Amino acid sequence: MPSICWPGAGNTVETNVMRAMRKTALLLFLVFLLSGSLPAQTAGSTPSPAAAKAERYYRTELYFGRSKADGTIVSEEEWRAFLADIVTPRFPEGFTVLHGFGQYREAGGRIILEPSEVLIVLYSSRSKKKSRAKLEEVRAAYIKKFDQESVLRVDMPKRVTVFF
């Protein structure tokens, strides 16, 4: 049976886990809603004028664990500095960050339960190659700066429809 490490464990571990599970369930529900899994219109319906102005974008999500190898947590100040110094210069048009709680199995087999952040970036077809290279720069910078094993990356296989 793998060992489980609970960052910041104390008398409130069970409460924190339940709170995190509720947040994770809400996050998964929101991701489902935002992923384009629901049809925008029913068959045979007439598209609205807004639908005619929709734009197609690619969507990538990066999942950042906040636990460090030394057992501490990436602080809110460190996270905000990372966004300002690394992410914002590469994606000045904007991005979204969702707070979450995740579980990760280290290469050695130990399971880590930790707070996490999900970075969502939308980018056009014409900037696809450049944007994906910038996302790799962001991943590499986080891994190096906070001594991480990895940063999970999810690329949506199809473009998503975006209404502004």
C-alpha atoms as a PDB file:
ATOM      1  CA  MET A   1       0.000   0.000   0.000  1.00  0.00           C
ATOM      2  CA  PRO A   2       1.477   3.389  -0.960  1.00  0.00           C
ATOM      3  CA  SER A   3       2.211   5.942   1.715  1.00  0.00           C
ATOM      4  CA  ILE A   4       0.247   9.180   1.599  1.00  0.00           C
ATOM      5  CA  CYS A   5       1.737  12.561   2.413  1.00  0.00           C
ATOM      6  CA  TRP A   6      -0.695  15.262   3.531  1.00  0.00           C
ATOM      7  CA  PRO A   7       0.893  18.714   3.281  1.00  0.00           C
ATOM      8  CA  GLY A   8       0.113  20.812   6.341  1.00  0.00           C
ATOM      9  CA  ALA A   9      -1.501  17.831   8.099  1.00  0.00           C
ATOM     10  CA  GLY A  10      -2.995  18.557  11.465  1.00  0.00           C
ATOM     11  CA  ASN A  11      -6.314  18.113  13.244  1.00  0.00           C
ATOM     12  CA  THR A  12      -8.181  19.479  10.226  1.00  0.00           C
ATOM     13  CA  VAL A  13      -6.980  16.928   7.645  1.00  0.00           C
ATOM     14  CA  GLU A  14     -10.402  15.281   7.242  1.00  0.00           C
ATOM     15  CA  THR A  15     -12.147  18.665   6.996  1.00  0.00           C
ATOM     16  CA  ASN A  16      -9.609  19.908   4.466  1.00  0.00           C
ATOM     17  CA  VAL A  17      -9.939  16.741   2.392  1.00  0.00           C
ATOM     18  CA  MET A  18     -13.736  16.994   2.307  1.00  0.00           C
ATOM     19  CA  ARG A  19     -13.533  20.682   1.376  1.00  0.00           C
ATOM     20  CA  ALA A  20     -10.999  19.866  -1.323  1.00  0.00           C
ATOM     21  CA  MET A  21     -13.170  17.039  -2.664  1.00  0.00           C
ATOM     22  CA  ARG A  22     -16.134  19.406  -2.979  1.00  0.00           C
ATOM     23  CA  LYS A  23     -13.944  21.954  -4.771  1.00  0.00           C
ATOM     24  CA  THR A  24     -12.586  19.231  -7.061  1.00  0.00           C
ATOM     25  CA  ALA A  25     -16.111  18.058  -7.917  1.00  0.00           C
ATOM     26  CA  LEU A  26     -17.119  21.633  -8.705  1.00  0.00           C
ATOM     27  CA  LEU A  27     -13.958  22.104 -10.783  1.00  0.00           C
ATOM     28  CA  LEU A  28     -14.663  18.944 -12.781  1.00  0.00           C
ATOM     29  CA  PHE A  29     -18.236  20.076 -13.389  1.00  0.00           C
ATOM     30  CA  LEU A  30     -17.032  23.487 -14.602  1.00  0.00           C
ATOM     31  CA  VAL A  31     -14.378  21.904 -16.835  1.00  0.00           C
ATOM     32  CA  PHE A  32     -17.080  19.677 -18.339  1.00  0.00           C
ATOM     33  CA  LEU A  33     -19.283  22.690 -19.010  1.00  0.00           C
ATOM     34  CA  LEU A  34     -16.429  24.726 -20.477  1.00  0.00           C
ATOM     35  CA  SER A  35     -14.963  21.898 -22.541  1.00  0.00           C
ATOM     36  CA  GLY A  36     -17.490  22.159 -25.320  1.00  0.00           C
ATOM     37  CA  SER A  37     -19.022  18.792 -24.429  1.00  0.00           C
ATOM     38  CA  LEU A  38     -22.488  20.253 -24.491  1.00  0.00           C
ATOM     39  CA  PRO A  39     -24.035  21.073 -27.876  1.00  0.00           C
ATOM     40  CA  ALA A  40     -24.336  24.786 -28.557  1.00  0.00           C
ATOM     41  CA  GLN A  41     -27.658  24.345 -30.353  1.00  0.00           C
ATOM     42  CA  THR A  42     -30.106  21.610 -31.159  1.00  0.00           C
ATOM     43  CA  ALA A  43     -30.376  20.049 -34.596  1.00  0.00           C
ATOM     44  CA  GLY A  44     -32.525  22.076 -36.939  1.00  0.00           C
ATOM     45  CA  SER A  45     -32.368  25.268 -34.896  1.00  0.00           C
ATOM     46  CA  THR A  46     -31.372  28.553 -36.472  1.00  0.00           C
ATOM     47  CA  PRO A  47     -28.022  29.935 -35.307  1.00  0.00           C
ATOM     48  CA  SER A  48     -28.251  33.193 -33.406  1.00  0.00           C
ATOM     49  CA  PRO A  49     -26.411  36.299 -34.682  1.00  0.00           C
ATOM     50  CA  ALA A  50     -23.913  35.809 -31.836  1.00  0.00           C
ATOM     51  CA  ALA A  51     -23.162  32.269 -33.027  1.00  0.00           C
ATOM     52  CA  ALA A  52     -22.283  33.616 -36.461  1.00  0.00           C
ATOM     53  CA  LYS A  53     -19.561  35.753 -34.817  1.00  0.00           C
ATOM     54  CA  ALA A  54     -18.064  32.904 -32.826  1.00  0.00           C
ATOM     55  CA  GLU A  55     -14.318  32.337 -33.101  1.00  0.00           C
ATOM     56  CA  ARG A  56     -12.431  29.030 -33.000  1.00  0.00           C
ATOM     57  CA  TYR A  57      -9.567  28.622 -30.554  1.00  0.00           C
ATOM     58  CA  TYR A  58      -7.402  25.846 -29.193  1.00  0.00           C
ATOM     59  CA  ARG A  59      -7.411  25.210 -25.448  1.00  0.00           C
ATOM     60  CA  THR A  60      -4.575  23.950 -23.264  1.00  0.00           C
ATOM     61  CA  GLU A  61      -4.645  23.340 -19.529  1.00  0.00           C
ATOM     62  CA  LEU A  62      -1.589  23.124 -17.286  1.00  0.00           C
ATOM     63  CA  TYR A  63      -1.933  21.538 -13.831  1.00  0.00           C
ATOM     64  CA  PHE A  64       0.520  22.847 -11.228  1.00  0.00           C
ATOM     65  CA  GLY A  65       0.964  21.028  -7.932  1.00  0.00           C
ATOM     66  CA  ARG A  66       1.808  23.384  -5.089  1.00  0.00           C
ATOM     67  CA  SER A  67       3.825  20.906  -2.952  1.00  0.00           C
ATOM     68  CA  LYS A  68       7.596  21.265  -3.078  1.00  0.00           C
ATOM     69  CA  ALA A  69      10.135  18.444  -2.715  1.00  0.00           C
ATOM     70  CA  ASP A  70      11.217  19.808   0.702  1.00  0.00           C
ATOM     71  CA  GLY A  71       7.666  19.372   2.060  1.00  0.00           C
ATOM     72  CA  THR A  72       6.674  23.033   1.938  1.00  0.00           C
ATOM     73  CA  ILE A  73       3.971  24.525  -0.276  1.00  0.00           C
ATOM     74  CA  VAL A  74       4.386  27.108  -3.030  1.00  0.00           C
ATOM     75  CA  SER A  75       3.016  30.187  -1.281  1.00  0.00           C
ATOM     76  CA  GLU A  76       0.342  32.429  -2.724  1.00  0.00           C
ATOM     77  CA  GLU A  77       2.986  35.158  -3.081  1.00  0.00           C
ATOM     78  CA  GLU A  78       5.329  32.804  -4.992  1.00  0.00           C
ATOM     79  CA  TRP A  79       2.452  31.645  -7.231  1.00  0.00           C
ATOM     80  CA  ARG A  80       1.389  35.217  -8.045  1.00  0.00           C
ATOM     81  CA  ALA A  81       5.003  36.167  -8.794  1.00  0.00           C
ATOM     82  CA  PHE A  82       5.284  33.161 -11.130  1.00  0.00           C
ATOM     83  CA  LEU A  83       2.143  34.293 -12.960  1.00  0.00           C
ATOM     84  CA  ALA A  84       3.426  37.872 -13.227  1.00  0.00           C
ATOM     85  CA  ASP A  85       7.010  37.024 -14.217  1.00  0.00           C
ATOM     86  CA  ILE A  86       6.592  33.896 -16.355  1.00  0.00           C
ATOM     87  CA  VAL A  87       2.992  33.449 -17.565  1.00  0.00           C
ATOM     88  CA  THR A  88       1.785  37.001 -18.199  1.00  0.00           C
ATOM     89  CA  PRO A  89       4.695  38.020 -20.474  1.00  0.00           C
ATOM     90  CA  ARG A  90       4.020  34.948 -22.645  1.00  0.00           C
ATOM     91  CA  PHE A  91       0.218  35.323 -22.676  1.00  0.00           C
ATOM     92  CA  PRO A  92      -0.542  39.037 -22.224  1.00  0.00           C
ATOM     93  CA  GLU A  93      -3.919  38.584 -24.001  1.00  0.00           C
ATOM     94  CA  GLY A  94      -5.122  36.708 -20.950  1.00  0.00           C
ATOM     95  CA  PHE A  95      -5.583  33.341 -19.282  1.00  0.00           C
ATOM     96  CA  THR A  96      -7.641  31.771 -16.503  1.00  0.00           C
ATOM     97  CA  VAL A  97      -6.465  30.169 -13.262  1.00  0.00           C
ATOM     98  CA  LEU A  98      -8.648  27.754 -11.306  1.00  0.00           C
ATOM     99  CA  HIS A  99      -7.748  26.713  -7.762  1.00  0.00           C
ATOM    100  CA  GLY A 100      -8.029  23.036  -6.974  1.00  0.00           C
ATOM    101  CA  PHE A 101      -6.814  20.089  -4.982  1.00  0.00           C
ATOM    102  CA  GLY A 102      -5.151  17.084  -6.539  1.00  0.00           C
ATOM    103  CA  GLN A 103      -3.393  13.808  -6.014  1.00  0.00           C
ATOM    104  CA  TYR A 104      -0.149  12.754  -7.638  1.00  0.00           C
ATOM    105  CA  ARG A 105       1.962   9.618  -7.443  1.00  0.00           C
ATOM    106  CA  GLU A 106       5.680  10.435  -7.314  1.00  0.00           C
ATOM    107  CA  ALA A 107       8.154   8.376  -9.350  1.00  0.00           C
ATOM    108  CA  GLY A 108       9.072   6.596  -6.093  1.00  0.00           C
ATOM    109  CA  GLY A 109       5.451   5.511  -5.536  1.00  0.00           C
ATOM    110  CA  ARG A 110       4.466   7.892  -2.737  1.00  0.00           C
ATOM    111  CA  ILE A 111       1.084   9.578  -3.214  1.00  0.00           C
ATOM    112  CA  ILE A 112       1.002  13.325  -2.648  1.00  0.00           C
ATOM    113  CA  LEU A 113      -2.253  15.141  -1.907  1.00  0.00           C
ATOM    114  CA  GLU A 114      -1.795  18.813  -2.572  1.00  0.00           C
ATOM    115  CA  PRO A 115      -3.366  22.128  -3.446  1.00  0.00           C
ATOM    116  CA  SER A 116      -3.076  22.849  -7.147  1.00  0.00           C
ATOM    117  CA  GLU A 117      -3.670  25.464  -9.799  1.00  0.00           C
ATOM    118  CA  VAL A 118      -5.061  24.905 -13.291  1.00  0.00           C
ATOM    119  CA  LEU A 119      -3.940  27.385 -15.942  1.00  0.00           C
ATOM    120  CA  ILE A 120      -6.250  27.573 -18.978  1.00  0.00           C
ATOM    121  CA  VAL A 121      -5.014  29.265 -22.142  1.00  0.00           C
ATOM    122  CA  LEU A 122      -6.977  29.788 -25.356  1.00  0.00           C
ATOM    123  CA  TYR A 123      -5.105  30.585 -28.581  1.00  0.00           C
ATOM    124  CA  SER A 124      -5.907  30.909 -32.264  1.00  0.00           C
ATOM    125  CA  SER A 125      -4.943  28.558 -35.072  1.00  0.00           C
ATOM    126  CA  ARG A 126      -2.457  31.053 -36.454  1.00  0.00           C
ATOM    127  CA  SER A 127      -0.608  31.219 -33.114  1.00  0.00           C
ATOM    128  CA  LYS A 128      -0.905  27.489 -32.303  1.00  0.00           C
ATOM    129  CA  LYS A 129       2.764  26.530 -32.772  1.00  0.00           C
ATOM    130  CA  LYS A 130       4.114  29.615 -30.989  1.00  0.00           C
ATOM    131  CA  SER A 131       1.595  29.366 -28.120  1.00  0.00           C
ATOM    132  CA  ARG A 132       2.340  25.698 -27.525  1.00  0.00           C
ATOM    133  CA  ALA A 133       6.067  26.461 -27.394  1.00  0.00           C
ATOM    134  CA  LYS A 134       5.366  29.195 -24.814  1.00  0.00           C
ATOM    135  CA  LEU A 135       3.308  26.734 -22.751  1.00  0.00           C
ATOM    136  CA  GLU A 136       6.306  24.396 -22.695  1.00  0.00           C
ATOM    137  CA  GLU A 137       8.458  27.299 -21.467  1.00  0.00           C
ATOM    138  CA  VAL A 138       5.964  27.872 -18.643  1.00  0.00           C
ATOM    139  CA  ARG A 139       6.024  24.185 -17.682  1.00  0.00           C
ATOM    140  CA  ALA A 140       9.835  24.058 -17.705  1.00  0.00           C
ATOM    141  CA  ALA A 141      10.116  27.246 -15.634  1.00  0.00           C
ATOM    142  CA  TYR A 142       7.744  25.940 -12.934  1.00  0.00           C
ATOM    143  CA  ILE A 143       9.473  22.558 -12.757  1.00  0.00           C
ATOM    144  CA  LYS A 144      12.863  24.238 -12.345  1.00  0.00           C
ATOM    145  CA  LYS A 145      11.801  27.040  -9.991  1.00  0.00           C
ATOM    146  CA  PHE A 146       9.808  24.859  -7.575  1.00  0.00           C
ATOM    147  CA  ASP A 147      11.730  21.561  -7.934  1.00  0.00           C
ATOM    148  CA  GLN A 148       8.786  19.646  -9.429  1.00  0.00           C
ATOM    149  CA  GLU A 149       8.751  16.217 -11.063  1.00  0.00           C
ATOM    150  CA  SER A 150       6.290  17.405 -13.694  1.00  0.00           C
ATOM    151  CA  VAL A 151       3.484  19.746 -14.693  1.00  0.00           C
ATOM    152  CA  LEU A 152       0.533  17.993 -16.330  1.00  0.00           C
ATOM    153  CA  ARG A 153      -0.447  19.365 -19.745  1.00  0.00           C
ATOM    154  CA  VAL A 154      -3.785  18.722 -21.474  1.00  0.00           C
ATOM    155  CA  ASP A 155      -4.287  19.865 -25.063  1.00  0.00           C
ATOM    156  CA  MET A 156      -7.862  19.737 -26.303  1.00  0.00           C
ATOM    157  CA  PRO A 157      -7.751  17.700 -29.549  1.00  0.00           C
ATOM    158  CA  LYS A 158     -10.250  19.920 -31.349  1.00  0.00           C
ATOM    159  CA  ARG A 159     -10.760  23.638 -31.438  1.00  0.00           C
ATOM    160  CA  VAL A 160     -13.330  25.137 -29.085  1.00  0.00           C
ATOM    161  CA  THR A 161     -15.869  27.781 -30.015  1.00  0.00           C
ATOM    162  CA  VAL A 162     -15.458  31.066 -28.140  1.00  0.00           C
ATOM    163  CA  PHE A 163     -17.972  33.928 -27.973  1.00  0.00           C
ATOM    164  CA  PHE A 164     -16.656  37.369 -27.035  1.00  0.00           C
END
